[in-house]
C-alpha atoms as a PDB file:
ATOM      1  CA  MET A   1       0.712 -23.814   4.453  1.00  0.00           C
ATOM      2  CA  SER A   2      -0.926 -20.524   5.392  1.00  0.00           C
ATOM      3  CA  GLU A   3      -1.703 -19.464   8.895  1.00  0.00           C
ATOM      4  CA  GLU A   4      -4.914 -17.826  10.062  1.00  0.00           C
ATOM      5  CA  ARG A   5      -4.287 -14.103  10.502  1.00  0.00           C
ATOM      6  CA  SER A   6      -6.335 -11.481  12.260  1.00  0.00           C
ATOM      7  CA  VAL A   7      -7.472  -8.215  10.759  1.00  0.00           C
ATOM      8  CA  ASN A   8      -5.092  -6.393  13.102  1.00  0.00           C
ATOM      9  CA  LEU A   9      -2.125  -8.271  11.626  1.00  0.00           C
ATOM     10  CA  PHE A  10      -3.121  -7.284   8.088  1.00  0.00           C
ATOM     11  CA  ILE A  11      -3.574  -3.692   9.238  1.00  0.00           C
ATOM     12  CA  GLN A  12      -0.110  -3.819  10.781  1.00  0.00           C
ATOM     13  CA  ASP A  13       1.237  -5.096   7.452  1.00  0.00           C
ATOM     14  CA  VAL A  14      -0.166  -1.952   5.822  1.00  0.00           C
ATOM     15  CA  PHE A  15       1.445   0.298   8.443  1.00  0.00           C
ATOM     16  CA  ASP A  16       4.782  -1.496   8.095  1.00  0.00           C
ATOM     17  CA  ALA A  17       4.720  -1.288   4.295  1.00  0.00           C
ATOM     18  CA  ILE A  18       3.881   2.425   4.358  1.00  0.00           C
ATOM     19  CA  ASP A  19       6.722   3.086   6.786  1.00  0.00           C
ATOM     20  CA  LYS A  20       9.148   1.095   4.636  1.00  0.00           C
ATOM     21  CA  ILE A  21       8.111   2.936   1.479  1.00  0.00           C
ATOM     22  CA  ASN A  22       8.580   6.279   3.199  1.00  0.00           C
ATOM     23  CA  GLY A  23      12.031   5.175   4.332  1.00  0.00           C
ATOM     24  CA  TYR A  24      13.035   4.031   0.842  1.00  0.00           C
ATOM     25  CA  VAL A  25      12.059   7.358  -0.751  1.00  0.00           C
ATOM     26  CA  SER A  26      13.408   9.603   1.989  1.00  0.00           C
ATOM     27  CA  GLY A  27      15.528  12.301   0.386  1.00  0.00           C
ATOM     28  CA  MET A  28      14.262  11.611  -3.130  1.00  0.00           C
ATOM     29  CA  ALA A  29      12.668  14.418  -5.122  1.00  0.00           C
ATOM     30  CA  ASN A  30      10.471  12.609  -7.648  1.00  0.00           C
ATOM     31  CA  GLY A  31       9.451   9.370  -9.308  1.00  0.00           C
ATOM     32  CA  LYS A  32      12.227   9.585 -11.872  1.00  0.00           C
ATOM     33  CA  GLU A  33      14.803   9.612  -9.095  1.00  0.00           C
ATOM     34  CA  LEU A  34      13.061   6.657  -7.452  1.00  0.00           C
ATOM     35  CA  LYS A  35      12.997   4.674 -10.686  1.00  0.00           C
ATOM     36  CA  GLY A  36      16.706   5.408 -11.144  1.00  0.00           C
ATOM     37  CA  ASP A  37      17.469   3.624  -7.870  1.00  0.00           C
ATOM     38  CA  ALA A  38      16.618   0.044  -8.820  1.00  0.00           C
ATOM     39  CA  LYS A  39      16.792  -1.411  -5.309  1.00  0.00           C
ATOM     40  CA  SER A  40      14.582   1.265  -3.783  1.00  0.00           C
ATOM     41  CA  TYR A  41      12.170   1.116  -6.723  1.00  0.00           C
ATOM     42  CA  ASP A  42      11.822  -2.653  -6.433  1.00  0.00           C
ATOM     43  CA  ALA A  43      11.379  -2.403  -2.662  1.00  0.00           C
ATOM     44  CA  VAL A  44       8.680   0.253  -3.043  1.00  0.00           C
ATOM     45  CA  MET A  45       6.843  -1.840  -5.647  1.00  0.00           C
ATOM     46  CA  MET A  46       6.948  -4.905  -3.398  1.00  0.00           C
ATOM     47  CA  ASN A  47       5.566  -2.942  -0.469  1.00  0.00           C
ATOM     48  CA  PHE A  48       2.719  -1.575  -2.594  1.00  0.00           C
ATOM     49  CA  ILE A  49       1.937  -5.196  -3.484  1.00  0.00           C
ATOM     50  CA  ILE A  50       1.947  -6.062   0.233  1.00  0.00           C
ATOM     51  CA  ILE A  51      -0.459  -3.189   0.922  1.00  0.00           C
ATOM     52  CA  GLY A  52      -2.836  -4.393  -1.783  1.00  0.00           C
ATOM     53  CA  GLU A  53      -2.687  -7.985  -0.599  1.00  0.00           C
ATOM     54  CA  ALA A  54      -3.278  -6.987   3.023  1.00  0.00           C
ATOM     55  CA  ILE A  55      -6.232  -4.813   1.989  1.00  0.00           C
ATOM     56  CA  LYS A  56      -7.628  -7.705  -0.036  1.00  0.00           C
ATOM     57  CA  ASN A  57      -7.523  -9.869   3.067  1.00  0.00           C
ATOM     58  CA  ILE A  58      -9.315  -7.364   5.296  1.00  0.00           C
ATOM     59  CA  TYR A  59     -11.648  -5.994   2.636  1.00  0.00           C
ATOM     60  CA  GLU A  60     -14.686  -8.120   3.413  1.00  0.00           C
ATOM     61  CA  GLU A  61     -14.512  -7.398   7.125  1.00  0.00           C
ATOM     62  CA  VAL A  62     -14.288  -3.638   6.904  1.00  0.00           C
ATOM     63  CA  ARG A  63     -15.993  -2.519   3.688  1.00  0.00           C
ATOM     64  CA  LYS A  64     -19.447  -2.249   5.205  1.00  0.00           C
ATOM     65  CA  ASN A  65     -18.172   0.052   7.921  1.00  0.00           C
ATOM     66  CA  HIS A  66     -15.933   2.103   5.602  1.00  0.00           C
ATOM     67  CA  PRO A  67     -17.682   2.392   2.217  1.00  0.00           C
ATOM     68  CA  ASN A  68     -15.998   5.730   1.445  1.00  0.00           C
ATOM     69  CA  VAL A  69     -12.581   4.078   1.041  1.00  0.00           C
ATOM     70  CA  GLU A  70     -11.508   3.214  -2.511  1.00  0.00           C
ATOM     71  CA  TRP A  71     -10.721  -0.417  -1.684  1.00  0.00           C
ATOM     72  CA  ARG A  72     -10.960  -1.545  -5.298  1.00  0.00           C
ATOM     73  CA  GLN A  73      -8.436   1.091  -6.437  1.00  0.00           C
ATOM     74  CA  ILE A  74      -5.927  -0.079  -3.816  1.00  0.00           C
ATOM     75  CA  MET A  75      -6.299  -3.704  -4.855  1.00  0.00           C
ATOM     76  CA  ASP A  76      -6.148  -2.773  -8.539  1.00  0.00           C
ATOM     77  CA  MET A  77      -2.795  -1.070  -8.005  1.00  0.00           C
ATOM     78  CA  ARG A  78      -1.504  -4.277  -6.430  1.00  0.00           C
ATOM     79  CA  ASN A  79      -2.697  -6.235  -9.454  1.00  0.00           C
ATOM     80  CA  LEU A  80      -1.096  -3.766 -11.859  1.00  0.00           C
ATOM     81  CA  LEU A  81       2.249  -3.957 -10.075  1.00  0.00           C
ATOM     82  CA  ALA A  82       2.160  -7.740  -9.854  1.00  0.00           C
ATOM     83  CA  HIS A  83       0.804  -8.555 -13.306  1.00  0.00           C
ATOM     84  CA  GLU A  84       1.498  -5.552 -15.558  1.00  0.00           C
ATOM     85  CA  TYR A  85       4.673  -4.247 -13.953  1.00  0.00           C
ATOM     86  CA  TRP A  86       6.128  -3.162 -17.292  1.00  0.00           C
ATOM     87  CA  GLY A  87       3.431  -0.485 -17.694  1.00  0.00           C
ATOM     88  CA  VAL A  88       3.881   1.224 -14.328  1.00  0.00           C
ATOM     89  CA  ASP A  89       4.350   4.995 -14.544  1.00  0.00           C
ATOM     90  CA  GLU A  90       6.756   6.278 -11.896  1.00  0.00           C
ATOM     91  CA  LYS A  91       4.783   9.551 -11.740  1.00  0.00           C
ATOM     92  CA  VAL A  92       1.700   7.623 -10.633  1.00  0.00           C
ATOM     93  CA  VAL A  93       3.740   5.744  -8.045  1.00  0.00           C
ATOM     94  CA  TRP A  94       5.274   8.979  -6.754  1.00  0.00           C
ATOM     95  CA  SER A  95       1.835  10.581  -6.522  1.00  0.00           C
ATOM     96  CA  ALA A  96       0.524   7.575  -4.605  1.00  0.00           C
ATOM     97  CA  ILE A  97       3.425   7.849  -2.171  1.00  0.00           C
ATOM     98  CA  GLY A  98       2.897  11.546  -1.535  1.00  0.00           C
ATOM     99  CA  LYS A  99      -0.892  11.767  -1.606  1.00  0.00           C
ATOM    100  CA  ASP A 100      -2.475   8.366  -1.128  1.00  0.00           C
ATOM    101  CA  LEU A 101      -0.254   6.720   1.487  1.00  0.00           C
ATOM    102  CA  PRO A 102      -0.725   9.424   4.157  1.00  0.00           C
ATOM    103  CA  ARG A 103      -4.496   9.219   3.661  1.00  0.00           C
ATOM    104  CA  LEU A 104      -4.429   5.414   3.742  1.00  0.00           C
ATOM    105  CA  LYS A 105      -2.422   5.451   6.966  1.00  0.00           C
ATOM    106  CA  GLU A 106      -4.995   7.764   8.525  1.00  0.00           C
ATOM    107  CA  ILE A 107      -7.875   5.539   7.402  1.00  0.00           C
ATOM    108  CA  MET A 108      -6.155   2.377   8.604  1.00  0.00           C
ATOM    109  CA  THR A 109      -5.533   3.998  11.991  1.00  0.00           C
ATOM    110  CA  LYS A 110      -9.275   4.647  12.325  1.00  0.00           C
ATOM    111  CA  ILE A 111     -10.063   1.087  11.288  1.00  0.00           C
ATOM    112  CA  LYS A 112      -7.506  -0.338  13.714  1.00  0.00           C
ATOM    113  CA  ASN A 113      -8.966   1.759  16.524  1.00  0.00           C
ATOM    114  CA  SER A 114     -12.419   0.378  15.747  1.00  0.00           C
ATOM    115  CA  PHE A 115     -11.077  -3.164  16.302  1.00  0.00           C
ATOM    116  CA  ASP A 116      -9.258  -2.353  19.558  1.00  0.00           C
END
């Protein structure tokens, strides 16, 4: 049975997942190193899935106010990781960690502030 969740809870899920990912990759130099650490790699993949699922659940409520965000791309990454996991390129994952997650955290902070 699922519980009714607020947008703020889904936003917090995104923040938590980003923080966990950053913790898992702390001290690593690249995607190859990440992929070589099976536990960290699996944990990172799961947290990207959580981010995509959380975004999917807040998408309808925020898209009109934030049309410049690539919501579809975020959700598509979740789908790729969940359904086509065998084709994931660690370089793409590493790039997302270094470039996309900081930007997403900034965007989600603005969105959260608009709900407060």
